[in-house]
């Protein structure tokens, strides 16, 4: 576009508006599905103003982060492989956090020492990685 005489700030503003428009459409579909189809308490009990603020802020941060990473990653193959590694690390990390959290609450509930590994949690409490945590991070 630069070769055709377009100024760079106009290019980036147009891309930002387009990406935010796509995000708004997806956020509306997400909200309608959660409110009417699944009937999730978050959507039914939380005020509309707060949800609009949260979804708008989330959209701004995600688009800004995507633009930031696009300055460093130029090829689609590199982006795919890097996102695979990040996702794998986030799955491992979130599973570890959830296991530690469940372990701590188990020890508090049954009045046991959290550092005594022999008597606590006979089986691993979180065998399945937390994919919801992973998706929230991406």
Protein backbone atom coordinates (compact mmCIF):
# COMPACT_ATOMS: atom_id res chain seq x y z
CA UNK A 1 0.00 0.00 0.00
CA UNK A 2 2.93 2.28 0.64
CA UNK A 3 3.92 1.96 -3.02
CA UNK A 4 0.45 3.14 -4.04
CA UNK A 5 0.78 6.31 -2.01
CA UNK A 6 -1.20 5.36 1.08
CA UNK A 7 0.02 6.84 4.33
CA UNK A 8 1.00 4.27 6.95
CA UNK A 9 -1.22 5.65 9.72
CA UNK A 10 -4.28 5.33 7.47
CA UNK A 11 -3.33 1.75 6.68
CA UNK A 12 -3.03 0.81 10.36
CA UNK A 13 -6.21 2.63 11.41
CA UNK A 14 -8.16 0.88 8.66
CA UNK A 15 -6.78 -2.50 9.67
CA UNK A 16 -7.57 -1.81 13.33
CA UNK A 17 -11.16 -0.82 12.57
CA UNK A 18 -11.65 -3.86 10.33
CA UNK A 19 -10.20 -6.26 12.94
CA UNK A 20 -12.26 -4.68 15.70
CA UNK A 21 -15.40 -5.01 13.55
CA UNK A 22 -14.74 -8.73 13.13
CA UNK A 23 -14.13 -9.01 16.88
CA UNK A 24 -17.41 -7.22 17.69
CA UNK A 25 -19.36 -9.63 15.49
CA UNK A 26 -17.72 -12.62 17.19
CA UNK A 27 -18.27 -11.12 20.67
CA UNK A 28 -21.97 -10.59 19.93
CA UNK A 29 -22.31 -14.20 18.75
CA UNK A 30 -20.44 -15.37 21.86
CA UNK A 31 -22.70 -13.29 24.12
CA UNK A 32 -25.93 -14.41 22.45
CA UNK A 33 -24.88 -18.05 22.60
CA UNK A 34 -23.92 -17.79 26.27
CA UNK A 35 -27.06 -15.85 27.21
CA UNK A 36 -29.77 -17.65 25.27
CA UNK A 37 -28.47 -21.11 24.36
CA UNK A 38 -26.34 -22.18 27.33
CA UNK A 39 -27.85 -19.75 29.87
CA UNK A 40 -24.58 -19.08 31.70
CA UNK A 41 -24.94 -17.14 34.95
CA UNK A 42 -22.17 -14.70 33.99
CA UNK A 43 -24.19 -13.46 31.02
CA UNK A 44 -27.58 -13.46 32.76
CA UNK A 45 -26.58 -11.86 36.09
CA UNK A 46 -23.87 -9.39 35.06
CA UNK A 47 -24.94 -5.91 33.95
CA UNK A 48 -24.77 -5.04 30.26
CA UNK A 49 -22.51 -2.04 30.86
CA UNK A 50 -19.87 -4.13 32.63
CA UNK A 51 -19.96 -6.78 29.92
CA UNK A 52 -19.54 -4.18 27.19
CA UNK A 53 -16.57 -2.68 29.05
CA UNK A 54 -14.95 -6.10 29.56
CA UNK A 55 -15.49 -7.27 25.97
CA UNK A 56 -14.33 -3.95 24.52
CA UNK A 57 -11.20 -3.92 26.64
CA UNK A 58 -10.49 -7.54 25.77
CA UNK A 59 -10.87 -6.78 22.06
CA UNK A 60 -8.57 -3.75 22.23
CA UNK A 61 -5.91 -5.74 24.06
CA UNK A 62 -6.08 -8.71 21.69
CA UNK A 63 -5.90 -6.59 18.54
CA UNK A 64 -3.05 -4.54 19.98
CA UNK A 65 -1.18 -7.71 20.91
CA UNK A 66 -1.72 -9.13 17.43
CA UNK A 67 -0.36 -5.97 15.85
CA UNK A 68 2.61 -6.02 18.22
CA UNK A 69 3.52 -9.61 17.30
CA UNK A 70 2.99 -8.95 13.59
CA UNK A 71 5.89 -6.50 13.73
CA UNK A 72 8.23 -9.34 14.73
CA UNK A 73 6.78 -12.37 12.94
CA UNK A 74 6.57 -12.03 9.18
CA UNK A 75 5.81 -15.60 8.01
CA UNK A 76 2.69 -17.65 8.69
CA UNK A 77 4.75 -20.80 9.29
CA UNK A 78 6.77 -19.08 12.01
CA UNK A 79 3.62 -17.75 13.64
CA UNK A 80 2.02 -21.21 13.64
CA UNK A 81 5.01 -22.95 15.15
CA UNK A 82 5.54 -20.25 17.78
CA UNK A 83 1.88 -20.31 18.79
CA UNK A 84 2.06 -24.11 19.10
CA UNK A 85 4.98 -23.81 21.52
CA UNK A 86 3.28 -21.08 23.52
CA UNK A 87 0.06 -23.12 23.75
CA UNK A 88 1.94 -26.20 24.91
CA UNK A 89 3.78 -24.24 27.61
CA UNK A 90 0.55 -22.59 28.76
CA UNK A 91 -1.18 -25.98 29.06
CA UNK A 92 1.65 -27.32 31.21
CA UNK A 93 1.81 -24.16 33.32
CA UNK A 94 -1.95 -23.90 33.86
CA UNK A 95 -2.20 -27.58 34.78
CA UNK A 96 0.53 -27.06 37.37
CA UNK A 97 -1.20 -23.98 38.80
CA UNK A 98 -4.54 -25.78 39.06
CA UNK A 99 -2.90 -28.80 40.69
CA UNK A 100 -1.17 -26.61 43.28
CA UNK A 101 -4.41 -24.75 43.99
CA UNK A 102 -6.41 -27.96 44.47
CA UNK A 103 -3.61 -29.42 46.59
CA UNK A 104 -3.57 -26.37 48.88
CA UNK A 105 -7.36 -26.34 49.35
CA UNK A 106 -7.36 -30.08 50.00
CA UNK A 107 -4.74 -29.63 52.73
CA UNK A 108 -6.61 -26.72 54.31
CA UNK A 109 -9.91 -28.60 54.27
CA UNK A 110 -8.52 -31.73 55.92
CA UNK A 111 -6.07 -29.80 58.16
CA UNK A 112 -2.92 -31.35 56.73
CA UNK A 113 0.52 -29.93 56.18
CA UNK A 114 0.82 -28.82 52.52
CA UNK A 115 4.51 -29.77 52.48
CA UNK A 116 3.89 -33.39 53.57
CA UNK A 117 3.72 -35.02 50.15
CA UNK A 118 3.34 -38.60 51.43
CA UNK A 119 -0.03 -38.14 53.09
CA UNK A 120 -1.63 -35.64 50.72
CA UNK A 121 -3.65 -36.33 47.57
CA UNK A 122 -3.36 -40.04 46.91
CA UNK A 123 -3.85 -39.48 43.16
CA UNK A 124 -3.04 -36.53 40.95
CA UNK A 125 -5.94 -34.11 41.24
CA UNK A 126 -5.67 -32.51 37.81
CA UNK A 127 -4.91 -35.15 35.16
CA UNK A 128 -6.55 -33.13 32.38
CA UNK A 129 -4.94 -29.82 31.31
CA UNK A 130 -7.00 -26.67 31.67
CA UNK A 131 -7.92 -25.80 28.10
CA UNK A 132 -10.27 -23.01 29.23
CA UNK A 133 -7.34 -21.27 30.95
CA UNK A 134 -5.29 -21.72 27.81
CA UNK A 135 -7.96 -20.15 25.59
CA UNK A 136 -8.37 -17.23 27.95
CA UNK A 137 -4.65 -16.51 27.69
CA UNK A 138 -4.68 -16.53 23.92
